Amino acid sequence: MVAGETSGDLLAGLLLDGFRARWPDLRAGGIGGAQMMRRGFEAWWPSEELAVRGYVEVLRHYREIVGIRAQLREKLLAHRPDVFIGVDAPDFNLDLEADLKAAGIKTVHFVSPSVWAWRADRVEKIRRSVDHVLCIFPFEPALLAQHGIDATYVGHPLASVIPMYPDQAAARRQLGLQPEALILALLPGSRRSEIDYLAERFFKAAALVQRLHPAIKIIAPAVPALQTLIEQAAQSAGMAGQVQIVAGQSHTVLAACDVTLIASGTATLEAALYKRPMVIAYNMNWLSWQIMRRKKLQPWVGLPNILCRDFVVPELLQDAATPQALADGVLQWLDAKITAPEKIRAVEQRFTKLHEELQRDTAKIATDAIQNILAG
């Protein structure tokens, strides 16, 4: 297995639970993180080695990443596994999967590359690289079938882990927050590049919010390896001592907050499953942005909006993601909490419906699919 970042590590860890229930003597190794290792996974490289986003950012680490892939390929070809599962990270995994499939090793890709949102040209590469795709969104198998790619909808694992009705009071107690406090959660991302481009502007936005709501509590969960960078960003924004920065605990923070300012990515879906109003933001290297915007196929970037087919929550991307604009987006939600609670309830209802659509016994369905592939 290869999982290339924090969200992939979480998804792969949930899969491993199903695998071990079916195959108690399973041996699993490759590239992974803490959630996978907690299930007995042998991490030959940590998932953080692959946690790079953006064309220019990848180029800076290209030789290192390609070197890891070459070493892993040789190891897998020499000691052939029954099946290889690439978890997301398509730029890394699809090339590796193509080589393994050509050598007769069964290959599965978990989380379909978003050919419906970005880079439709990638579909031919998927067909060449994988025997089967495990899809986390219900419309994906039919789309892939049009291109001759076998796929199974397994639901989204997080929809079974995150409670349908989160206990906000319990989450606040766990974080030492008052039950009646107004709480803003800042989630600037789980990659170094995201922290570099987003964290300081998130903290500057929070400072603007705090001027109008002096009693607001601001909390930011941090991937432990990036916590120092986040603390430095808070200090640069003049917010040192004004923000509660906690190691990990992003789900607890989302359960506890009233609204979140959040980087586009898997975390936005997690926030939706916690039924939280949010402002989605993203900023990256200018050249990477110019390349990606030309490959965009839909008007939305944030997963909650893509899945709801509507701008349920605001998106502020690249130059639009100024501290003032981010603060204004947050303030609109805070104002709605007081003056238009029906707006908050409408978002909660949309996200509850989305949660129900994504909730399946993912680990079992995925394990059944892989059993069929191995028997084929």
Protein backbone atom coordinates (compact mmCIF):
# COMPACT_ATOMS: atom_id res chain seq x y z
CA MET A 1 0.00 0.00 0.00
CA VAL A 2 1.03 3.58 -0.62
CA ALA A 3 -0.70 6.51 1.09
CA GLY A 4 0.83 9.86 0.36
CA GLU A 5 -0.45 12.26 3.02
CA THR A 6 -2.44 12.58 6.24
CA SER A 7 -5.87 12.05 4.66
CA GLY A 8 -4.65 9.03 2.68
CA ASP A 9 -3.12 7.56 5.82
CA LEU A 10 -6.49 7.90 7.57
CA LEU A 11 -8.39 6.26 4.70
CA ALA A 12 -5.87 3.43 4.40
CA GLY A 13 -6.00 2.81 8.14
CA LEU A 14 -9.75 2.32 7.95
CA LEU A 15 -9.31 -0.13 5.06
CA LEU A 16 -6.75 -2.11 7.04
CA ASP A 17 -9.35 -2.71 9.76
CA GLY A 18 -11.53 -4.53 7.21
CA PHE A 19 -8.60 -6.43 5.76
CA ARG A 20 -7.47 -7.75 9.14
CA ALA A 21 -11.00 -8.90 9.96
CA ARG A 22 -11.00 -10.95 6.71
CA TRP A 23 -7.32 -11.95 6.67
CA PRO A 24 -5.93 -12.09 10.26
CA ASP A 25 -2.46 -13.09 9.01
CA LEU A 26 -2.25 -10.19 6.56
CA ARG A 27 1.16 -8.61 6.03
CA ALA A 28 1.03 -5.06 4.72
CA GLY A 29 3.90 -2.71 3.91
CA GLY A 30 4.90 0.20 1.73
CA ILE A 31 4.49 3.94 2.35
CA GLY A 32 2.20 5.05 5.16
CA GLY A 33 1.68 7.07 8.29
CA ALA A 34 0.66 6.81 11.92
CA GLN A 35 -2.88 5.50 11.34
CA MET A 36 -1.61 2.66 9.15
CA MET A 37 1.29 1.80 11.44
CA ARG A 38 -1.14 1.62 14.36
CA ARG A 39 -2.75 -1.30 12.46
CA GLY A 40 0.56 -3.15 12.08
CA PHE A 41 1.56 -1.65 8.72
CA GLU A 42 5.28 -1.73 7.91
CA ALA A 43 6.13 1.79 6.71
CA TRP A 44 9.28 1.54 4.63
CA TRP A 45 8.97 5.29 4.02
CA PRO A 46 6.73 7.76 5.91
CA SER A 47 3.77 9.21 4.01
CA GLU A 48 5.11 12.74 4.67
CA GLU A 49 7.74 12.08 1.99
CA LEU A 50 5.01 12.36 -0.67
CA ALA A 51 2.94 15.17 0.87
CA VAL A 52 3.63 17.79 -1.82
CA ARG A 53 0.96 19.61 -3.84
CA GLY A 54 1.29 21.86 -6.89
CA TYR A 55 3.32 21.50 -10.09
CA VAL A 56 6.19 23.78 -9.08
CA GLU A 57 6.35 22.34 -5.56
CA VAL A 58 6.53 18.79 -6.94
CA LEU A 59 9.36 19.79 -9.28
CA ARG A 60 11.41 20.93 -6.30
CA HIS A 61 11.15 17.44 -4.78
CA TYR A 62 11.02 15.53 -8.06
CA ARG A 63 14.30 13.64 -7.82
CA GLU A 64 13.65 12.56 -4.25
CA ILE A 65 10.11 11.34 -5.01
CA VAL A 66 11.11 9.54 -8.21
CA GLY A 67 13.97 7.89 -6.31
CA ILE A 68 11.58 6.57 -3.66
CA ARG A 69 9.23 5.24 -6.34
CA ALA A 70 12.07 3.47 -8.16
CA GLN A 71 13.26 1.80 -4.95
CA LEU A 72 9.73 0.76 -4.04
CA ARG A 73 9.13 -0.63 -7.55
CA GLU A 74 12.24 -2.79 -7.34
CA LYS A 75 11.28 -4.05 -3.89
CA LEU A 76 7.75 -4.99 -5.00
CA LEU A 77 8.91 -6.67 -8.20
CA ALA A 78 11.45 -8.68 -6.22
CA HIS A 79 9.01 -9.65 -3.46
CA ARG A 80 5.70 -9.78 -5.33
CA PRO A 81 2.65 -8.94 -3.20
CA ASP A 82 -0.76 -10.51 -3.80
CA VAL A 83 -2.14 -7.05 -4.44
CA PHE A 84 -0.93 -3.46 -4.52
CA ILE A 85 -3.29 -0.73 -3.31
CA GLY A 86 -2.50 2.87 -4.14
CA VAL A 87 -4.40 5.19 -1.82
CA ASP A 88 -5.02 8.51 -3.58
CA ALA A 89 -1.66 10.22 -4.51
CA PRO A 90 -2.34 9.53 -8.22
CA ASP A 91 0.75 11.31 -9.55
CA PHE A 92 2.90 8.88 -7.58
CA ASN A 93 0.74 5.78 -7.61
CA LEU A 94 -0.55 5.51 -11.19
CA ASP A 95 2.91 5.22 -12.75
CA LEU A 96 3.91 2.67 -10.14
CA GLU A 97 0.67 0.74 -10.64
CA ALA A 98 1.20 0.66 -14.42
CA ASP A 99 4.59 -1.02 -13.98
CA LEU A 100 3.26 -3.51 -11.42
CA LYS A 101 0.21 -4.38 -13.52
CA ALA A 102 2.44 -4.95 -16.57
CA ALA A 103 4.42 -7.39 -14.43
CA GLY A 104 1.25 -9.33 -13.53
CA ILE A 105 0.67 -7.92 -10.03
CA LYS A 106 -2.94 -7.08 -9.21
CA THR A 107 -3.39 -3.33 -8.73
CA VAL A 108 -6.19 -1.43 -7.01
CA HIS A 109 -6.54 2.33 -6.68
CA PHE A 110 -8.52 3.62 -3.71
CA VAL A 111 -10.09 7.04 -4.28
CA SER A 112 -10.71 7.66 -7.95
CA PRO A 113 -8.65 10.51 -9.37
CA SER A 114 -11.02 13.43 -9.86
CA VAL A 115 -11.29 13.15 -13.64
CA TRP A 116 -14.74 14.76 -13.31
CA ALA A 117 -13.18 17.89 -11.79
CA TRP A 118 -9.59 18.11 -13.03
CA ARG A 119 -7.44 16.51 -15.74
CA ALA A 120 -9.91 14.41 -17.72
CA ASP A 121 -6.95 13.28 -19.84
CA ARG A 122 -5.88 11.08 -16.93
CA VAL A 123 -8.61 8.49 -17.58
CA GLU A 124 -6.54 6.57 -20.15
CA LYS A 125 -3.70 6.33 -17.65
CA ILE A 126 -6.07 4.93 -15.04
CA ARG A 127 -7.27 2.22 -17.45
CA ARG A 128 -3.69 1.24 -18.25
CA SER A 129 -2.58 1.23 -14.62
CA VAL A 130 -5.22 -0.46 -12.49
CA ASP A 131 -7.32 -3.61 -12.36
CA HIS A 132 -9.96 -1.96 -10.18
CA VAL A 133 -10.87 1.38 -8.64
CA LEU A 134 -12.53 1.75 -5.23
CA CYS A 135 -14.67 4.88 -5.46
CA ILE A 136 -15.75 7.05 -2.55
CA PHE A 137 -18.43 9.01 -4.43
CA PRO A 138 -21.59 7.35 -5.83
CA PHE A 139 -21.46 8.77 -9.36
CA GLU A 140 -17.90 7.65 -10.11
CA PRO A 141 -18.27 3.93 -11.08
CA ALA A 142 -20.67 4.72 -13.94
CA LEU A 143 -18.36 7.44 -15.22
CA LEU A 144 -15.34 5.12 -15.14
CA ALA A 145 -17.34 2.30 -16.76
CA GLN A 146 -17.83 4.54 -19.82
CA HIS A 147 -14.05 4.29 -20.27
CA GLY A 148 -13.80 0.53 -19.66
CA ILE A 149 -12.54 0.80 -16.08
CA ASP A 150 -13.90 -1.60 -13.43
CA ALA A 151 -14.91 0.16 -10.24
CA THR A 152 -16.91 -0.27 -7.04
CA TYR A 153 -18.61 2.40 -4.95
CA VAL A 154 -17.53 1.75 -1.37
CA GLY A 155 -18.87 4.91 0.27
CA HIS A 156 -16.64 7.36 2.04
CA PRO A 157 -14.95 5.83 5.10
CA LEU A 158 -15.16 9.08 7.01
CA ALA A 159 -18.95 9.05 6.75
CA SER A 160 -19.00 5.95 8.96
CA VAL A 161 -16.41 7.28 11.40
CA ILE A 162 -17.80 10.76 11.92
CA PRO A 163 -21.09 10.70 13.90
CA MET A 164 -24.22 11.85 12.10
CA TYR A 165 -24.94 14.18 15.02
CA PRO A 166 -21.61 15.35 16.52
CA ASP A 167 -21.43 16.05 20.26
CA GLN A 168 -20.22 19.65 20.28
CA ALA A 169 -20.35 19.96 24.07
CA ALA A 170 -18.17 16.87 24.60
CA ALA A 171 -15.63 18.11 22.03
CA ARG A 172 -15.42 21.46 23.81
CA ARG A 173 -14.85 19.78 27.14
CA GLN A 174 -12.07 17.69 25.62
CA LEU A 175 -10.34 20.84 24.35
CA GLY A 176 -10.91 22.81 27.55
CA LEU A 177 -13.32 25.25 25.89
CA GLN A 178 -16.36 26.81 27.51
CA PRO A 179 -19.73 25.40 26.32
CA GLU A 180 -21.11 28.84 25.44
CA ALA A 181 -17.94 30.17 23.73
CA LEU A 182 -17.88 31.38 20.13
CA ILE A 183 -15.24 29.27 18.39
CA LEU A 184 -13.43 29.69 15.08
CA ALA A 185 -11.35 26.76 13.79
CA LEU A 186 -8.42 27.41 11.44
CA LEU A 187 -7.30 24.49 9.25
CA PRO A 188 -4.66 25.79 6.80
CA GLY A 189 -3.72 22.32 5.51
CA SER A 190 -1.62 19.26 6.24
CA ARG A 191 1.22 19.88 3.75
CA ARG A 192 4.26 22.09 4.13
CA SER A 193 3.37 23.98 0.93
CA GLU A 194 -0.16 24.70 2.22
CA ILE A 195 1.18 26.06 5.49
CA ASP A 196 3.63 28.25 3.57
CA TYR A 197 0.90 29.75 1.38
CA LEU A 198 -2.12 29.81 3.68
CA ALA A 199 -1.32 29.80 7.39
CA GLU A 200 -0.23 33.41 7.85
CA ARG A 201 -3.18 34.81 5.89
CA PHE A 202 -5.54 32.58 7.93
CA PHE A 203 -4.14 34.04 11.15
CA LYS A 204 -4.38 37.59 9.78
CA ALA A 205 -8.01 36.92 8.89
CA ALA A 206 -8.61 35.60 12.41
CA ALA A 207 -7.15 38.80 13.84
CA LEU A 208 -9.67 40.83 11.83
CA VAL A 209 -12.51 38.63 13.10
CA GLN A 210 -11.26 39.01 16.66
CA ARG A 211 -11.45 42.81 16.43
CA LEU A 212 -15.22 42.56 15.97
CA HIS A 213 -15.67 39.56 18.29
CA PRO A 214 -13.08 40.06 21.07
CA ALA A 215 -14.35 37.06 23.05
CA ILE A 216 -14.03 34.60 20.18
CA LYS A 217 -11.82 31.57 20.79
CA ILE A 218 -9.54 30.64 17.90
CA ILE A 219 -8.17 27.11 17.66
CA ALA A 220 -5.93 25.48 15.08
CA PRO A 221 -5.17 21.75 14.89
CA ALA A 222 -1.69 21.05 13.54
CA VAL A 223 -0.08 18.00 12.02
CA PRO A 224 2.63 17.40 14.65
CA ALA A 225 5.46 17.60 12.11
CA LEU A 226 4.22 21.05 11.01
CA GLN A 227 3.24 22.50 14.38
CA THR A 228 6.35 24.67 14.66
CA LEU A 229 5.65 26.21 11.23
CA ILE A 230 2.07 26.98 12.23
CA GLU A 231 3.23 28.59 15.48
CA GLN A 232 5.69 30.70 13.47
CA ALA A 233 2.90 31.77 11.10
CA ALA A 234 0.75 32.82 14.06
CA GLN A 235 3.61 34.86 15.43
CA SER A 236 4.25 36.52 12.04
CA ALA A 237 0.57 37.51 11.91
CA GLY A 238 0.74 39.03 15.38
CA MET A 239 -1.45 36.27 16.82
CA ALA A 240 1.02 34.52 19.11
CA GLY A 241 -0.80 33.72 22.34
CA GLN A 242 -4.17 34.50 20.73
CA VAL A 243 -4.65 31.07 19.15
CA GLN A 244 -4.91 27.66 20.80
CA ILE A 245 -2.74 25.40 18.65
CA VAL A 246 -3.20 21.70 19.32
CA ALA A 247 -1.31 18.70 17.97
CA GLY A 248 -3.65 16.68 15.75
CA GLN A 249 -7.27 16.43 16.98
CA SER A 250 -8.69 18.00 13.82
CA HIS A 251 -11.93 16.04 14.18
CA THR A 252 -12.38 17.18 17.77
CA VAL A 253 -11.74 20.77 16.71
CA LEU A 254 -14.29 20.54 13.89
CA ALA A 255 -16.86 19.06 16.27
CA ALA A 256 -16.24 21.88 18.75
CA CYS A 257 -16.26 24.93 16.46
CA ASP A 258 -19.04 27.22 15.24
CA VAL A 259 -17.38 27.95 11.91
CA THR A 260 -14.12 26.97 10.21
CA LEU A 261 -11.75 28.70 7.82
CA ILE A 262 -10.29 25.75 5.94
CA ALA A 263 -7.95 24.81 3.11
CA SER A 264 -9.54 23.11 0.09
CA GLY A 265 -9.05 19.35 0.28
CA THR A 266 -10.32 16.32 2.17
CA ALA A 267 -10.64 18.37 5.36
CA THR A 268 -13.52 20.32 3.79
CA LEU A 269 -15.50 17.10 3.46
CA GLU A 270 -14.70 16.28 7.08
CA ALA A 271 -16.03 19.71 8.06
CA ALA A 272 -19.20 19.04 6.05
CA LEU A 273 -19.69 15.70 7.78
CA TYR A 274 -19.43 17.57 11.08
CA LYS A 275 -22.18 19.87 9.65
CA ARG A 276 -20.06 22.99 10.13
CA PRO A 277 -20.40 26.24 8.17
CA MET A 278 -17.09 27.03 6.51
CA VAL A 279 -15.10 29.31 4.27
CA ILE A 280 -12.96 27.32 1.83
CA ALA A 281 -9.69 28.87 0.69
CA TYR A 282 -6.67 27.96 -1.36
CA ASN A 283 -3.48 29.61 -2.51
CA MET A 284 -0.46 28.13 -4.24
CA ASN A 285 2.55 28.99 -6.38
CA TRP A 286 1.42 31.33 -9.18
CA LEU A 287 2.61 29.06 -12.00
CA SER A 288 0.98 25.98 -10.43
CA TRP A 289 -2.28 27.92 -10.23
CA GLN A 290 -2.14 28.97 -13.88
CA ILE A 291 -1.66 25.34 -14.93
CA MET A 292 -4.39 23.95 -12.67
CA ARG A 293 -7.05 26.54 -13.48
CA ARG A 294 -6.84 25.55 -17.17
CA LYS A 295 -7.58 21.94 -16.24
CA LYS A 296 -10.59 22.79 -14.06
CA LEU A 297 -13.83 21.23 -15.36
CA GLN A 298 -16.39 22.51 -12.83
CA PRO A 299 -17.23 25.83 -11.20
CA TRP A 300 -16.50 24.44 -7.73
CA VAL A 301 -13.25 23.42 -6.05
CA GLY A 302 -14.35 22.51 -2.52
CA LEU A 303 -15.64 18.95 -2.11
CA PRO A 304 -18.84 19.94 -0.24
CA ASN A 305 -19.82 22.24 -3.09
CA ILE A 306 -18.86 19.70 -5.78
CA LEU A 307 -20.95 16.99 -4.15
CA CYS A 308 -23.91 19.30 -3.52
CA ARG A 309 -23.56 20.77 -7.03
CA ASP A 310 -23.96 24.23 -5.57
CA PHE A 311 -22.04 26.98 -3.77
CA VAL A 312 -23.32 25.91 -0.37
CA VAL A 313 -20.28 27.54 1.25
CA PRO A 314 -18.01 30.28 -0.12
CA GLU A 315 -14.73 29.55 -1.92
CA LEU A 316 -11.90 32.08 -2.01
CA LEU A 317 -9.06 31.00 -4.26
CA GLN A 318 -5.64 32.41 -5.05
CA ASP A 319 -5.72 36.24 -5.28
CA ALA A 320 -9.25 36.31 -3.86
CA ALA A 321 -8.04 34.68 -0.63
CA THR A 322 -7.01 37.92 1.08
CA PRO A 323 -7.13 38.16 4.88
CA GLN A 324 -9.95 40.72 4.63
CA ALA A 325 -12.04 38.58 2.26
CA LEU A 326 -11.48 35.49 4.42
CA ALA A 327 -12.48 37.43 7.53
CA ASP A 328 -15.59 38.77 5.81
CA GLY A 329 -16.64 35.23 4.88
CA VAL A 330 -16.24 34.05 8.46
CA LEU A 331 -18.08 37.10 9.82
CA GLN A 332 -21.06 36.40 7.58
CA TRP A 333 -21.45 32.97 9.17
CA LEU A 334 -21.02 34.40 12.67
CA ASP A 335 -23.62 37.07 11.95
CA ALA A 336 -26.00 34.42 10.57
CA LYS A 337 -25.66 32.46 13.80
CA ILE A 338 -27.21 35.44 15.59
CA THR A 339 -29.48 37.10 13.02
CA ALA A 340 -30.35 34.34 10.52
CA PRO A 341 -30.10 30.93 12.24
CA GLU A 342 -32.21 29.42 9.44
CA LYS A 343 -29.20 29.90 7.13
CA ILE A 344 -27.09 27.79 9.46
CA ARG A 345 -29.84 25.15 9.70
CA ALA A 346 -30.11 24.98 5.90
CA VAL A 347 -26.38 24.20 5.61
CA GLU A 348 -26.63 21.60 8.36
CA GLN A 349 -29.53 19.93 6.53
CA ARG A 350 -27.64 19.85 3.21
CA PHE A 351 -24.63 18.31 4.90
CA THR A 352 -26.74 15.76 6.79
CA LYS A 353 -28.23 14.58 3.49
CA LEU A 354 -24.72 14.37 2.00
CA HIS A 355 -23.57 12.36 5.02
CA GLU A 356 -26.38 9.84 4.50
CA GLU A 357 -25.47 9.43 0.82
CA LEU A 358 -21.82 8.70 1.64
CA GLN A 359 -22.38 6.32 4.57
CA ARG A 360 -21.64 2.69 3.68
CA ASP A 361 -19.76 -0.23 5.26
CA THR A 362 -16.67 0.85 3.34
CA ALA A 363 -14.16 -1.58 4.82
CA LYS A 364 -16.35 -4.63 4.10
CA ILE A 365 -17.38 -3.54 0.59
CA ALA A 366 -13.77 -2.78 -0.30
CA THR A 367 -12.57 -6.08 1.17
CA ASP A 368 -15.21 -7.99 -0.83
CA ALA A 369 -14.09 -6.23 -4.02
CA ILE A 370 -10.45 -7.08 -3.41
CA GLN A 371 -11.36 -10.69 -2.60
CA ASN A 372 -13.05 -10.91 -6.03
CA ILE A 373 -10.00 -9.41 -7.72
CA LEU A 374 -7.69 -11.91 -6.05
CA ALA A 375 -9.99 -14.78 -7.07
CA GLY A 376 -10.23 -13.56 -10.67
